[in-house]
Amino acid sequence: MKRDRAIVLCADDFGLSRGIDDGILALAARGRLTATGCMVAGPAFAADAGAVTALADRIDIGLHFALTDLAPLGPIPSLDAEGRAASLGRVLSRSLTGRIDYEEIAAEIGRQLDRFRAVIGRDPDFIDGHQHVHVLPGVRRALFSLYDRGVLDGRRTWLRDCREAPAAIWARGVEAPKTLFIAMLAAGFGRAARARGITVNAGFGGITAFDPARFAATFPHFLERLGTRPLVMCHPADPAAAADPSDPIDRARRAEYAHLASEAFERDLAAAGVRLARMGEIAA
């Protein structure tokens, strides 16, 4: 079957652990991914940065901005006075009620961007957020300010838009309530980005229940009802790595890798008439 539709397939969480990084690197080397987002505060990021940079001719390498799961690079007292990682619930509640400090968030985005530049040696190809925090009120304002002030160029550093039309979400039938909630949080994000001349995806998929037994059956649905610049996220890790009891989705990551590395994944793409591409190709 002719593959006449292109999608970006982006692996999140590079730098969070060696097992995650090894899985992403192996898939990217085989052409099974076209983007990955780096958690620059992750314990494996600096050590594995050279390996991912060596694949820059094959994949987009971005900043996976984090406010949760990892301690920030600098103080964010409005989220945690002790400098610890904030919970997603705290980030959500404080952002949605206007109690997140803009200056603190702007400073942390700047610190994470600076670390990406220092380690990778250039600007990120894109920016998105761990657990989608980049679309939240206050956070998105600080992110957009980087483009407004000329710190980043929207033609070279694209942004992930997590919004989909509700009809498409319901028709797909995969984690619809969770996906609708994230889409609601992202309302207006893509429009605001495009008004600034920033490239964004149009169409988003990959939200799952992180059930290892269901990923292979679920994945083909993310290739349906695609937008004009679709992006599908994933969270693979090397199944040969030692188990990580601190990672609540460790088993799901291994199942994702197994499917993305399989012939069944190739059949999924062929059946949907889809091929993998980088954002620059799709945007052009």
Protein backbone atom coordinates (compact mmCIF):
# COMPACT_ATOMS: atom_id res chain seq x y z
CA MET A 1 0.00 0.00 0.00
CA LYS A 2 1.26 3.45 -0.88
CA ARG A 3 2.16 5.47 2.20
CA ASP A 4 0.90 8.91 1.24
CA ARG A 5 0.28 10.33 4.73
CA ALA A 6 3.14 11.44 6.93
CA ILE A 7 3.23 11.58 10.71
CA VAL A 8 5.79 12.53 13.31
CA LEU A 9 6.32 9.71 15.82
CA CYS A 10 7.90 11.25 18.91
CA ALA A 11 9.36 9.38 21.89
CA ASP A 12 9.13 11.31 25.15
CA ASP A 13 11.42 11.25 28.19
CA PHE A 14 14.91 10.91 26.72
CA GLY A 15 17.38 11.40 29.57
CA LEU A 16 15.14 10.03 32.30
CA SER A 17 17.00 6.71 32.48
CA ARG A 18 19.54 4.65 30.58
CA GLY A 19 16.92 2.01 29.72
CA ILE A 20 14.61 4.63 28.20
CA ASP A 21 17.48 6.19 26.28
CA ASP A 22 18.72 2.87 24.93
CA GLY A 23 15.24 2.02 23.70
CA ILE A 24 14.78 5.38 21.98
CA LEU A 25 18.22 5.27 20.39
CA ALA A 26 17.69 1.76 19.04
CA LEU A 27 14.30 2.61 17.53
CA ALA A 28 15.57 5.85 16.02
CA ALA A 29 18.53 4.08 14.45
CA ARG A 30 16.09 1.69 12.78
CA GLY A 31 13.89 4.50 11.45
CA ARG A 32 11.04 3.65 13.83
CA LEU A 33 10.94 7.18 15.36
CA THR A 34 11.28 10.66 13.91
CA ALA A 35 11.57 12.77 17.08
CA THR A 36 12.47 12.59 20.75
CA GLY A 37 12.12 15.07 23.59
CA CYS A 38 14.91 15.44 26.16
CA MET A 39 14.40 15.84 29.90
CA VAL A 40 17.52 17.90 30.58
CA ALA A 41 17.34 17.41 34.36
CA GLY A 42 17.20 13.65 33.88
CA PRO A 43 20.03 11.59 35.37
CA ALA A 44 21.00 10.04 32.02
CA PHE A 45 20.70 13.10 29.79
CA ALA A 46 24.28 14.37 29.80
CA ALA A 47 25.81 10.90 29.42
CA ASP A 48 23.57 9.93 26.50
CA ALA A 49 23.40 13.29 24.72
CA GLY A 50 26.21 12.46 22.35
CA ALA A 51 24.45 9.32 21.15
CA VAL A 52 21.21 11.12 20.39
CA THR A 53 23.01 14.04 18.74
CA ALA A 54 24.64 11.53 16.39
CA LEU A 55 21.13 10.77 15.08
CA ALA A 56 20.28 14.42 14.35
CA ASP A 57 20.18 13.70 10.62
CA ARG A 58 17.32 11.22 11.23
CA ILE A 59 15.21 12.67 14.04
CA ASP A 60 14.11 15.97 15.55
CA ILE A 61 15.64 16.48 18.99
CA GLY A 62 13.63 18.66 21.34
CA LEU A 63 13.30 19.94 24.88
CA HIS A 64 10.76 17.99 26.94
CA PHE A 65 10.16 20.74 29.51
CA ALA A 66 9.52 19.28 32.96
CA LEU A 67 7.92 20.60 36.12
CA THR A 68 6.97 17.16 37.50
CA ASP A 69 8.84 13.91 38.24
CA LEU A 70 12.23 15.67 38.33
CA ALA A 71 13.49 18.40 40.62
CA PRO A 72 13.73 21.72 38.75
CA LEU A 73 17.10 23.19 37.84
CA GLY A 74 16.37 26.25 39.99
CA PRO A 75 13.94 27.45 42.63
CA ILE A 76 10.19 27.46 41.97
CA PRO A 77 8.80 28.32 45.43
CA SER A 78 5.25 28.69 44.15
CA LEU A 79 5.30 24.94 43.40
CA ASP A 80 7.64 23.62 46.10
CA ALA A 81 9.61 25.67 48.59
CA GLU A 82 12.12 22.83 49.11
CA GLY A 83 13.10 22.57 45.45
CA ARG A 84 11.59 19.12 45.00
CA ALA A 85 9.66 17.87 41.98
CA ALA A 86 6.05 19.04 42.11
CA SER A 87 3.18 16.62 41.65
CA LEU A 88 1.07 16.93 38.52
CA GLY A 89 -1.96 17.68 40.69
CA ARG A 90 -0.20 20.62 42.32
CA VAL A 91 1.00 22.02 38.99
CA LEU A 92 -2.52 21.71 37.55
CA SER A 93 -4.32 23.24 40.52
CA ARG A 94 -1.97 26.18 40.91
CA SER A 95 -1.86 26.89 37.19
CA LEU A 96 -5.63 26.69 36.65
CA THR A 97 -6.31 28.97 39.64
CA GLY A 98 -3.71 31.58 38.71
CA ARG A 99 -1.39 30.75 41.61
CA ILE A 100 1.64 29.75 39.56
CA ASP A 101 4.37 32.41 39.48
CA TYR A 102 5.09 33.56 35.93
CA GLU A 103 8.60 34.80 36.65
CA GLU A 104 9.57 31.53 38.32
CA ILE A 105 8.28 29.47 35.42
CA ALA A 106 9.92 31.73 32.85
CA ALA A 107 13.22 31.39 34.69
CA GLU A 108 12.96 27.59 34.80
CA ILE A 109 12.15 27.36 31.10
CA GLY A 110 15.21 29.53 30.48
CA ARG A 111 17.39 27.28 32.63
CA GLN A 112 16.24 24.12 30.88
CA LEU A 113 16.70 25.71 27.47
CA ASP A 114 20.20 26.86 28.45
CA ARG A 115 21.11 23.36 29.58
CA PHE A 116 19.82 21.85 26.34
CA ARG A 117 21.93 24.34 24.37
CA ALA A 118 25.01 23.70 26.50
CA VAL A 119 24.82 19.91 26.19
CA ILE A 120 23.41 19.45 22.66
CA GLY A 121 25.16 22.51 21.25
CA ARG A 122 22.23 24.19 19.52
CA ASP A 123 18.60 25.18 19.87
CA PRO A 124 16.02 22.41 20.22
CA ASP A 125 14.10 21.40 17.12
CA PHE A 126 10.92 21.62 19.21
CA ILE A 127 9.61 22.13 22.73
CA ASP A 128 6.85 20.23 24.47
CA GLY A 129 6.04 19.44 28.09
CA HIS A 130 6.34 16.42 30.32
CA GLN A 131 2.75 15.48 31.20
CA HIS A 132 1.72 18.30 28.82
CA VAL A 133 2.54 21.10 31.29
CA HIS A 134 3.61 23.41 28.46
CA VAL A 135 -0.02 24.11 27.48
CA LEU A 136 -1.11 25.24 30.95
CA PRO A 137 -1.96 28.87 31.72
CA GLY A 138 1.10 30.68 33.02
CA VAL A 139 3.41 28.04 31.58
CA ARG A 140 2.36 28.70 27.98
CA ARG A 141 2.71 32.44 28.54
CA ALA A 142 6.30 31.97 29.71
CA LEU A 143 7.01 29.63 26.78
CA PHE A 144 5.62 32.05 24.21
CA SER A 145 7.73 34.84 25.69
CA LEU A 146 10.84 33.06 24.41
CA TYR A 147 9.57 33.55 20.87
CA ASP A 148 8.22 37.04 21.50
CA ARG A 149 11.64 38.17 22.75
CA GLY A 150 13.55 36.49 19.93
CA VAL A 151 15.21 33.91 22.17
CA LEU A 152 13.78 31.20 19.90
CA ASP A 153 12.79 31.28 16.23
CA GLY A 154 9.38 29.77 15.50
CA ARG A 155 10.54 28.67 12.06
CA ARG A 156 13.23 26.44 13.57
CA THR A 157 11.81 25.40 16.95
CA TRP A 158 8.28 24.04 16.65
CA LEU A 159 5.80 23.38 19.44
CA ARG A 160 3.57 20.43 20.26
CA ASP A 161 -0.16 21.18 20.24
CA CYS A 162 -2.11 18.60 22.27
CA ARG A 163 -5.52 19.64 21.02
CA GLU A 164 -7.77 17.46 18.88
CA ALA A 165 -11.36 17.91 17.81
CA PRO A 166 -13.72 16.19 20.29
CA ALA A 167 -15.44 14.32 17.45
CA ALA A 168 -12.14 12.73 16.42
CA ILE A 169 -11.36 11.76 20.02
CA TRP A 170 -14.74 10.09 20.54
CA ALA A 171 -14.56 8.34 17.18
CA ARG A 172 -11.13 6.90 17.98
CA GLY A 173 -12.41 5.57 21.29
CA VAL A 174 -9.04 5.40 23.07
CA GLU A 175 -8.91 6.93 26.56
CA ALA A 176 -11.50 9.50 25.47
CA PRO A 177 -12.09 11.25 28.84
CA LYS A 178 -8.37 11.69 29.49
CA THR A 179 -7.73 12.84 25.92
CA LEU A 180 -10.63 15.30 26.02
CA PHE A 181 -9.32 16.80 29.25
CA ILE A 182 -5.86 17.34 27.77
CA ALA A 183 -7.40 18.79 24.61
CA MET A 184 -9.42 21.20 26.76
CA LEU A 185 -6.27 22.32 28.58
CA ALA A 186 -4.64 22.97 25.20
CA ALA A 187 -7.51 25.10 23.85
CA GLY A 188 -6.13 28.13 22.04
CA PHE A 189 -2.52 26.99 22.29
CA GLY A 190 -2.06 26.20 18.61
CA ARG A 191 -3.84 29.35 17.51
CA ALA A 192 -1.62 31.51 19.73
CA ALA A 193 1.49 29.76 18.42
CA ARG A 194 0.52 30.16 14.77
CA ALA A 195 -0.21 33.85 15.33
CA ARG A 196 3.45 34.19 16.33
CA GLY A 197 4.66 32.32 13.25
CA ILE A 198 5.54 29.19 15.22
CA THR A 199 5.17 25.83 13.51
CA VAL A 200 2.87 23.44 15.35
CA ASN A 201 1.49 20.00 14.62
CA ALA A 202 -2.16 19.70 13.61
CA GLY A 203 -3.48 16.42 14.93
CA PHE A 204 -2.28 14.61 18.03
CA GLY A 205 -2.39 11.06 19.32
CA GLY A 206 -0.73 8.62 21.66
CA ILE A 207 -2.58 9.11 24.94
CA THR A 208 -2.98 5.69 26.53
CA ALA A 209 -3.77 4.04 29.86
CA PHE A 210 -0.19 2.67 29.93
CA ASP A 211 -1.55 -0.87 29.97
CA PRO A 212 1.20 -3.19 28.64
CA ALA A 213 -1.36 -5.67 27.35
CA ARG A 214 -3.23 -3.14 25.21
CA PHE A 215 -0.65 -1.01 23.38
CA ALA A 216 -0.30 -3.21 20.29
CA ALA A 217 -4.08 -3.21 19.76
CA THR A 218 -4.39 0.48 20.57
CA PHE A 219 -1.61 1.89 18.40
CA PRO A 220 -3.35 1.48 15.00
CA HIS A 221 -6.15 3.76 16.19
CA PHE A 222 -3.66 6.63 16.49
CA LEU A 223 -3.15 6.38 12.71
CA GLU A 224 -6.83 7.14 12.08
CA ARG A 225 -8.51 10.54 11.61
CA LEU A 226 -5.19 12.29 11.20
CA GLY A 227 -4.83 16.05 11.00
CA THR A 228 -2.79 17.90 8.41
CA ARG A 229 0.44 17.76 10.45
CA PRO A 230 -0.16 14.82 12.79
CA LEU A 231 2.04 13.88 15.71
CA VAL A 232 1.83 10.68 17.73
CA MET A 233 3.74 10.41 21.00
CA CYS A 234 5.12 7.24 22.56
CA HIS A 235 7.12 6.19 25.62
CA PRO A 236 9.39 3.24 24.79
CA ALA A 237 12.22 1.73 26.84
CA ASP A 238 14.66 -1.08 26.18
CA PRO A 239 13.02 -4.34 27.37
CA ALA A 240 16.46 -5.77 28.10
CA ALA A 241 17.20 -3.09 30.70
CA ALA A 242 16.90 -3.84 34.39
CA ALA A 243 13.44 -3.26 35.81
CA ASP A 244 12.91 0.22 37.24
CA PRO A 245 10.57 -0.02 40.24
CA SER A 246 10.60 3.76 40.61
CA ASP A 247 8.96 4.21 37.20
CA PRO A 248 5.19 3.59 37.37
CA ILE A 249 4.98 2.94 33.63
CA ASP A 250 8.12 0.79 33.29
CA ARG A 251 6.25 -2.28 32.04
CA ALA A 252 4.21 -0.21 29.59
CA ARG A 253 7.38 1.33 28.18
CA ARG A 254 8.77 -2.12 27.41
CA ALA A 255 5.55 -3.16 25.70
CA GLU A 256 5.64 -0.02 23.56
CA TYR A 257 9.20 -0.77 22.49
CA ALA A 258 8.29 -4.35 21.62
CA HIS A 259 5.52 -3.23 19.30
CA LEU A 260 7.43 -0.36 17.69
CA ALA A 261 10.33 -2.71 16.97
CA SER A 262 8.08 -5.39 15.49
CA GLU A 263 6.87 -6.31 12.03
CA ALA A 264 3.34 -5.66 13.30
CA PHE A 265 4.23 -1.97 13.60
CA GLU A 266 5.27 -1.93 9.95
CA ARG A 267 1.98 -3.57 9.05
CA ASP A 268 0.09 -0.94 11.05
CA LEU A 269 1.71 1.83 9.02
CA ALA A 270 1.10 0.06 5.73
CA ALA A 271 -2.54 -0.67 6.52
CA ALA A 272 -3.14 2.98 7.39
CA GLY A 273 -1.23 4.28 4.36
CA VAL A 274 1.09 6.18 6.70
CA ARG A 275 4.82 6.86 6.71
CA LEU A 276 7.04 8.44 9.35
CA ALA A 277 8.50 11.90 8.75
CA ARG A 278 10.13 14.80 10.55
CA MET A 279 8.15 17.95 11.26
CA GLY A 280 10.07 20.02 8.73
CA GLU A 281 8.95 17.70 5.93
CA ILE A 282 5.32 17.77 7.04
CA ALA A 283 5.26 21.52 7.57
CA ALA A 284 6.78 22.13 4.14
